Amino acid sequence: DYLGANGNYRITQTQSIGLGMYGARNASSDPTNPFLRWGYQANANYNGSFLHGKLQSGINGNYLSSFFTPFDRGDKIMASHHSMYRLNNKWNFMLNNYYNRNIYDPVTIGSIKQKFINLNNTLTANHKIGDSYISGGLFYNIFKTNDTITMHSRGVLLNYGQSNYANNTLFSMSMQSGYSQIVSIPNSPNYFFFQYFSL
């Protein structure tokens, strides 16, 4: 069972905030695994438009407690930021940041609690050419597990897409290349990587 409420409030004509809270009651009458578990979710967001609509920004935060879903034994924190500056009808620039912290608390006695943190950051310039678009930029990502291993990954990215609805055709391509390093290990080398995807 889930019960919750959310609301939005306009601060100014171009800015607004939102808040939400949800509770969850999860129960099982299975004789091999009976349980009654309670959890909750809370979220908040902010959206704003500046410079006569040329700059759009949004921030979102979300927290999920243990047992918000029946078998989820750990809490989660998720936060994101997105900003876009529109130079004209063909050019815009985007900054995206995403944070995710996930803790898993195992049932087995003696098992180690698992903790994972991801922080992804991208900055791109995007150009529209007719039915096509191309974007290029930089990224810097951080991954951390159990407060012991920390890996940094940074590099460049390139995306291209084309769609023609009259001919029912679609093509997209994405490339990402850079270096990864386990910074929590002294004198760890940088490892080169290259990723390619097309559809």
C-alpha atoms as a PDB file:
ATOM      1  CA  ASP A   1       0.000   0.000   0.000  1.00  0.00           C
ATOM      2  CA  TYR A   2       1.218   3.479  -0.880  1.00  0.00           C
ATOM      3  CA  LEU A   3      -0.010   6.856   0.331  1.00  0.00           C
ATOM      4  CA  GLY A   4       1.479  10.231  -0.386  1.00  0.00           C
ATOM      5  CA  ALA A   5       1.089  13.814  -1.450  1.00  0.00           C
ATOM      6  CA  ASN A   6       3.027  16.335  -3.473  1.00  0.00           C
ATOM      7  CA  GLY A   7       2.662  19.991  -4.323  1.00  0.00           C
ATOM      8  CA  ASN A   8       4.240  22.778  -6.331  1.00  0.00           C
ATOM      9  CA  TYR A   9       4.624  26.425  -5.431  1.00  0.00           C
ATOM     10  CA  ARG A  10       5.491  29.219  -7.848  1.00  0.00           C
ATOM     11  CA  ILE A  11       8.029  31.544  -6.224  1.00  0.00           C
ATOM     12  CA  THR A  12       8.052  34.009  -9.090  1.00  0.00           C
ATOM     13  CA  GLN A  13       6.697  33.996 -12.617  1.00  0.00           C
ATOM     14  CA  THR A  14       9.769  32.066 -13.786  1.00  0.00           C
ATOM     15  CA  GLN A  15      10.702  30.000 -10.714  1.00  0.00           C
ATOM     16  CA  SER A  16       8.962  27.191  -8.835  1.00  0.00           C
ATOM     17  CA  ILE A  17       9.633  24.567  -6.169  1.00  0.00           C
ATOM     18  CA  GLY A  18       8.016  21.202  -5.492  1.00  0.00           C
ATOM     19  CA  LEU A  19       7.864  18.903  -2.468  1.00  0.00           C
ATOM     20  CA  GLY A  20       6.564  15.367  -2.072  1.00  0.00           C
ATOM     21  CA  MET A  21       6.309  12.660   0.566  1.00  0.00           C
ATOM     22  CA  TYR A  22       5.113   9.067   0.160  1.00  0.00           C
ATOM     23  CA  GLY A  23       4.716   6.239   2.655  1.00  0.00           C
ATOM     24  CA  ALA A  24       4.696   2.532   1.885  1.00  0.00           C
ATOM     25  CA  ARG A  25       3.377  -0.481   3.800  1.00  0.00           C
ATOM     26  CA  ASN A  26       4.578  -3.823   2.477  1.00  0.00           C
ATOM     27  CA  ALA A  27       3.227  -7.054   3.936  1.00  0.00           C
ATOM     28  CA  SER A  28       3.465 -10.754   3.145  1.00  0.00           C
ATOM     29  CA  SER A  29       1.418 -13.620   4.572  1.00  0.00           C
ATOM     30  CA  ASP A  30       3.641 -16.250   2.983  1.00  0.00           C
ATOM     31  CA  PRO A  31       4.275 -18.757   5.834  1.00  0.00           C
ATOM     32  CA  THR A  32       7.865 -19.241   4.675  1.00  0.00           C
ATOM     33  CA  ASN A  33       8.609 -15.504   4.712  1.00  0.00           C
ATOM     34  CA  PRO A  34       6.011 -13.413   6.571  1.00  0.00           C
ATOM     35  CA  PHE A  35       6.798  -9.742   7.076  1.00  0.00           C
ATOM     36  CA  LEU A  36       5.380  -6.267   7.650  1.00  0.00           C
ATOM     37  CA  ARG A  37       7.679  -3.479   6.505  1.00  0.00           C
ATOM     38  CA  TRP A  38       7.302   0.283   6.381  1.00  0.00           C
ATOM     39  CA  GLY A  39       9.232   2.737   4.217  1.00  0.00           C
ATOM     40  CA  TYR A  40       8.983   6.209   2.793  1.00  0.00           C
ATOM     41  CA  GLN A  41      10.127   8.414  -0.059  1.00  0.00           C
ATOM     42  CA  ALA A  42      10.754  12.166   0.004  1.00  0.00           C
ATOM     43  CA  ASN A  43      11.575  14.436  -2.920  1.00  0.00           C
ATOM     44  CA  ALA A  44      12.117  18.099  -3.673  1.00  0.00           C
ATOM     45  CA  ASN A  45      12.749  20.023  -6.874  1.00  0.00           C
ATOM     46  CA  TYR A  46      13.415  23.516  -8.146  1.00  0.00           C
ATOM     47  CA  ASN A  47      13.007  24.901 -11.674  1.00  0.00           C
ATOM     48  CA  GLY A  48      13.855  28.318 -12.955  1.00  0.00           C
ATOM     49  CA  SER A  49      14.065  30.315 -16.163  1.00  0.00           C
ATOM     50  CA  PHE A  50      16.461  33.247 -16.517  1.00  0.00           C
ATOM     51  CA  LEU A  51      17.819  35.716 -19.077  1.00  0.00           C
ATOM     52  CA  HIS A  52      14.471  36.075 -20.843  1.00  0.00           C
ATOM     53  CA  GLY A  53      14.097  32.312 -21.154  1.00  0.00           C
ATOM     54  CA  LYS A  54      17.512  31.647 -22.632  1.00  0.00           C
ATOM     55  CA  LEU A  55      18.751  29.870 -19.482  1.00  0.00           C
ATOM     56  CA  GLN A  56      16.736  26.990 -18.012  1.00  0.00           C
ATOM     57  CA  SER A  57      17.855  25.294 -14.774  1.00  0.00           C
ATOM     58  CA  GLY A  58      16.471  22.510 -12.640  1.00  0.00           C
ATOM     59  CA  ILE A  59      17.533  20.700  -9.463  1.00  0.00           C
ATOM     60  CA  ASN A  60      15.934  17.524  -8.152  1.00  0.00           C
ATOM     61  CA  GLY A  61      16.528  15.472  -4.998  1.00  0.00           C
ATOM     62  CA  ASN A  62      15.041  12.138  -4.014  1.00  0.00           C
ATOM     63  CA  TYR A  63      15.419   9.921  -0.927  1.00  0.00           C
ATOM     64  CA  LEU A  64      14.135   6.340  -0.593  1.00  0.00           C
ATOM     65  CA  SER A  65      14.292   4.612   2.781  1.00  0.00           C
ATOM     66  CA  SER A  66      14.842   0.919   3.361  1.00  0.00           C
ATOM     67  CA  PHE A  67      11.754  -1.170   2.539  1.00  0.00           C
ATOM     68  CA  PHE A  68      10.063   1.491   0.439  1.00  0.00           C
ATOM     69  CA  THR A  69       9.777  -1.474  -1.878  1.00  0.00           C
ATOM     70  CA  PRO A  70       9.242  -4.890  -0.240  1.00  0.00           C
ATOM     71  CA  PHE A  71      12.742  -6.336  -0.635  1.00  0.00           C
ATOM     72  CA  ASP A  72      14.884  -3.199  -0.797  1.00  0.00           C
ATOM     73  CA  ARG A  73      17.224  -3.491   2.199  1.00  0.00           C
ATOM     74  CA  GLY A  74      19.004  -0.173   1.971  1.00  0.00           C
ATOM     75  CA  ASP A  75      18.378   3.509   1.479  1.00  0.00           C
ATOM     76  CA  LYS A  76      19.072   5.566  -1.632  1.00  0.00           C
ATOM     77  CA  ILE A  77      19.841   9.215  -2.277  1.00  0.00           C
ATOM     78  CA  MET A  78      19.562  10.607  -5.810  1.00  0.00           C
ATOM     79  CA  ALA A  79      20.152  14.196  -6.867  1.00  0.00           C
ATOM     80  CA  SER A  80      20.450  15.823 -10.265  1.00  0.00           C
ATOM     81  CA  HIS A  81      21.072  19.202 -11.824  1.00  0.00           C
ATOM     82  CA  HIS A  82      20.400  20.293 -15.403  1.00  0.00           C
ATOM     83  CA  SER A  83      21.068  23.664 -16.979  1.00  0.00           C
ATOM     84  CA  MET A  84      20.697  24.655 -20.628  1.00  0.00           C
ATOM     85  CA  TYR A  85      21.613  27.942 -22.242  1.00  0.00           C
ATOM     86  CA  ARG A  86      20.017  28.472 -25.644  1.00  0.00           C
ATOM     87  CA  LEU A  87      22.218  30.714 -27.782  1.00  0.00           C
ATOM     88  CA  ASN A  88      19.892  30.624 -30.798  1.00  0.00           C
ATOM     89  CA  ASN A  89      17.684  28.164 -32.697  1.00  0.00           C
ATOM     90  CA  LYS A  90      20.688  26.061 -33.699  1.00  0.00           C
ATOM     91  CA  TRP A  91      23.064  26.203 -30.742  1.00  0.00           C
ATOM     92  CA  ASN A  92      22.677  25.409 -27.060  1.00  0.00           C
ATOM     93  CA  PHE A  93      24.963  24.437 -24.190  1.00  0.00           C
ATOM     94  CA  MET A  94      24.133  21.944 -21.437  1.00  0.00           C
ATOM     95  CA  LEU A  95      25.552  21.167 -18.007  1.00  0.00           C
ATOM     96  CA  ASN A  96      24.332  17.976 -16.314  1.00  0.00           C
ATOM     97  CA  ASN A  97      25.280  16.595 -12.901  1.00  0.00           C
ATOM     98  CA  TYR A  98      23.949  13.391 -11.379  1.00  0.00           C
ATOM     99  CA  TYR A  99      24.618  11.973  -7.890  1.00  0.00           C
ATOM    100  CA  ASN A 100      23.533   8.536  -6.699  1.00  0.00           C
ATOM    101  CA  ARG A 101      24.293   6.937  -3.320  1.00  0.00           C
ATOM    102  CA  ASN A 102      23.068   3.403  -2.745  1.00  0.00           C
ATOM    103  CA  ILE A 103      23.483   1.409   0.479  1.00  0.00           C
ATOM    104  CA  TYR A 104      22.632  -2.282   0.593  1.00  0.00           C
ATOM    105  CA  ASP A 105      22.278  -3.885   4.017  1.00  0.00           C
ATOM    106  CA  PRO A 106      22.377  -7.691   3.570  1.00  0.00           C
ATOM    107  CA  VAL A 107      20.283 -10.055   5.679  1.00  0.00           C
ATOM    108  CA  THR A 108      23.042 -12.634   6.152  1.00  0.00           C
ATOM    109  CA  ILE A 109      24.813 -12.284   9.497  1.00  0.00           C
ATOM    110  CA  GLY A 110      28.456 -11.403   8.999  1.00  0.00           C
ATOM    111  CA  SER A 111      27.931 -10.007   5.513  1.00  0.00           C
ATOM    112  CA  ILE A 112      29.404  -6.582   4.819  1.00  0.00           C
ATOM    113  CA  LYS A 113      27.130  -3.627   4.165  1.00  0.00           C
ATOM    114  CA  GLN A 114      27.651  -2.445   0.582  1.00  0.00           C
ATOM    115  CA  LYS A 115      27.860   1.259  -0.264  1.00  0.00           C
ATOM    116  CA  PHE A 116      28.111   2.690  -3.776  1.00  0.00           C
ATOM    117  CA  ILE A 117      28.420   6.320  -4.855  1.00  0.00           C
ATOM    118  CA  ASN A 118      28.285   7.661  -8.420  1.00  0.00           C
ATOM    119  CA  LEU A 119      28.843  11.264  -9.461  1.00  0.00           C
ATOM    120  CA  ASN A 120      28.535  11.970 -13.197  1.00  0.00           C
ATOM    121  CA  ASN A 121      29.200  15.378 -14.788  1.00  0.00           C
ATOM    122  CA  THR A 122      28.906  16.397 -18.446  1.00  0.00           C
ATOM    123  CA  LEU A 123      29.252  19.677 -20.312  1.00  0.00           C
ATOM    124  CA  THR A 124      28.169  19.694 -23.962  1.00  0.00           C
ATOM    125  CA  ALA A 125      27.724  22.035 -26.899  1.00  0.00           C
ATOM    126  CA  ASN A 126      24.826  21.011 -29.155  1.00  0.00           C
ATOM    127  CA  HIS A 127      24.185  22.032 -32.752  1.00  0.00           C
ATOM    128  CA  LYS A 128      21.115  21.368 -34.895  1.00  0.00           C
ATOM    129  CA  ILE A 129      21.461  20.977 -38.659  1.00  0.00           C
ATOM    130  CA  GLY A 130      18.100  20.418 -40.348  1.00  0.00           C
ATOM    131  CA  ASP A 131      16.866  16.980 -39.248  1.00  0.00           C
ATOM    132  CA  SER A 132      20.236  16.187 -37.670  1.00  0.00           C
ATOM    133  CA  TYR A 133      22.018  17.158 -34.487  1.00  0.00           C
ATOM    134  CA  ILE A 134      25.580  16.890 -33.273  1.00  0.00           C
ATOM    135  CA  SER A 135      26.904  17.421 -29.786  1.00  0.00           C
ATOM    136  CA  GLY A 136      30.342  17.282 -28.281  1.00  0.00           C
ATOM    137  CA  GLY A 137      31.695  17.882 -24.839  1.00  0.00           C
ATOM    138  CA  LEU A 138      33.561  16.817 -21.737  1.00  0.00           C
ATOM    139  CA  PHE A 139      32.746  14.453 -18.883  1.00  0.00           C
ATOM    140  CA  TYR A 140      34.158  13.754 -15.432  1.00  0.00           C
ATOM    141  CA  ASN A 141      32.744  10.831 -13.453  1.00  0.00           C
ATOM    142  CA  ILE A 142      33.543   9.524  -9.972  1.00  0.00           C
ATOM    143  CA  PHE A 143      32.709   6.061  -8.668  1.00  0.00           C
ATOM    144  CA  LYS A 144      33.257   5.025  -5.051  1.00  0.00           C
ATOM    145  CA  THR A 145      32.537   1.719  -3.322  1.00  0.00           C
ATOM    146  CA  ASN A 146      32.579   0.945   0.410  1.00  0.00           C
ATOM    147  CA  ASP A 147      34.708   4.041   1.120  1.00  0.00           C
ATOM    148  CA  THR A 148      37.765   2.088  -0.037  1.00  0.00           C
ATOM    149  CA  ILE A 149      37.938   2.131  -3.839  1.00  0.00           C
ATOM    150  CA  THR A 150      37.569   5.437  -5.693  1.00  0.00           C
ATOM    151  CA  MET A 151      37.834   5.628  -9.485  1.00  0.00           C
ATOM    152  CA  HIS A 152      37.870   8.796 -11.578  1.00  0.00           C
ATOM    153  CA  SER A 153      36.980   8.718 -15.266  1.00  0.00           C
ATOM    154  CA  ARG A 154      37.277  11.729 -17.555  1.00  0.00           C
ATOM    155  CA  GLY A 155      37.399  12.445 -21.255  1.00  0.00           C
ATOM    156  CA  VAL A 156      35.501  13.657 -24.308  1.00  0.00           C
ATOM    157  CA  LEU A 157      32.242  12.598 -25.916  1.00  0.00           C
ATOM    158  CA  LEU A 158      30.588  13.004 -29.300  1.00  0.00           C
ATOM    159  CA  ASN A 159      26.976  12.290 -30.284  1.00  0.00           C
ATOM    160  CA  TYR A 160      25.272  12.448 -33.662  1.00  0.00           C
ATOM    161  CA  GLY A 161      21.681  11.758 -34.636  1.00  0.00           C
ATOM    162  CA  GLN A 162      19.504  12.027 -37.718  1.00  0.00           C
ATOM    163  CA  SER A 163      15.795  11.426 -38.160  1.00  0.00           C
ATOM    164  CA  ASN A 164      13.590  11.511 -41.224  1.00  0.00           C
ATOM    165  CA  TYR A 165       9.976  10.805 -40.330  1.00  0.00           C
ATOM    166  CA  ALA A 166       8.846  11.079 -43.947  1.00  0.00           C
ATOM    167  CA  ASN A 167      11.065   8.114 -44.874  1.00  0.00           C
ATOM    168  CA  ASN A 168      10.674   6.469 -41.453  1.00  0.00           C
ATOM    169  CA  THR A 169      14.439   6.387 -40.840  1.00  0.00           C
ATOM    170  CA  LEU A 170      16.453   7.012 -37.700  1.00  0.00           C
ATOM    171  CA  PHE A 171      20.189   6.900 -37.002  1.00  0.00           C
ATOM    172  CA  SER A 172      22.135   7.723 -33.866  1.00  0.00           C
ATOM    173  CA  MET A 173      25.760   7.359 -32.889  1.00  0.00           C
ATOM    174  CA  SER A 174      27.640   7.945 -29.653  1.00  0.00           C
ATOM    175  CA  MET A 175      31.363   7.886 -28.892  1.00  0.00           C
ATOM    176  CA  GLN A 176      33.152   8.363 -25.600  1.00  0.00           C
ATOM    177  CA  SER A 177      36.855   8.234 -24.921  1.00  0.00           C
ATOM    178  CA  GLY A 178      39.162   9.097 -22.064  1.00  0.00           C
ATOM    179  CA  TYR A 179      41.130   7.792 -19.120  1.00  0.00           C
ATOM    180  CA  SER A 180      40.197   6.016 -15.885  1.00  0.00           C
ATOM    181  CA  GLN A 181      42.278   5.883 -12.726  1.00  0.00           C
ATOM    182  CA  ILE A 182      41.799   4.273  -9.311  1.00  0.00           C
ATOM    183  CA  VAL A 183      42.893   7.298  -7.303  1.00  0.00           C
ATOM    184  CA  SER A 184      42.526   5.508  -3.951  1.00  0.00           C
ATOM    185  CA  ILE A 185      45.564   3.358  -4.860  1.00  0.00           C
ATOM    186  CA  PRO A 186      48.837   5.330  -4.759  1.00  0.00           C
ATOM    187  CA  ASN A 187      50.622   5.645  -8.117  1.00  0.00           C
ATOM    188  CA  SER A 188      47.782   3.892  -9.933  1.00  0.00           C
ATOM    189  CA  PRO A 189      48.163   4.186 -13.737  1.00  0.00           C
ATOM    190  CA  ASN A 190      45.679   5.818 -16.079  1.00  0.00           C
ATOM    191  CA  TYR A 191      43.856   3.382 -18.344  1.00  0.00           C
ATOM    192  CA  PHE A 192      42.691   4.529 -21.780  1.00  0.00           C
ATOM    193  CA  PHE A 193      39.210   3.525 -22.927  1.00  0.00           C
ATOM    194  CA  PHE A 194      37.038   4.032 -26.002  1.00  0.00           C
ATOM    195  CA  GLN A 195      33.310   3.312 -26.313  1.00  0.00           C
ATOM    196  CA  TYR A 196      31.145   3.397 -29.436  1.00  0.00           C
ATOM    197  CA  PHE A 197      27.441   2.843 -29.900  1.00  0.00           C
ATOM    198  CA  SER A 198      25.187   3.206 -32.934  1.00  0.00           C
ATOM    199  CA  LEU A 199      21.583   2.508 -33.749  1.00  0.00           C
END
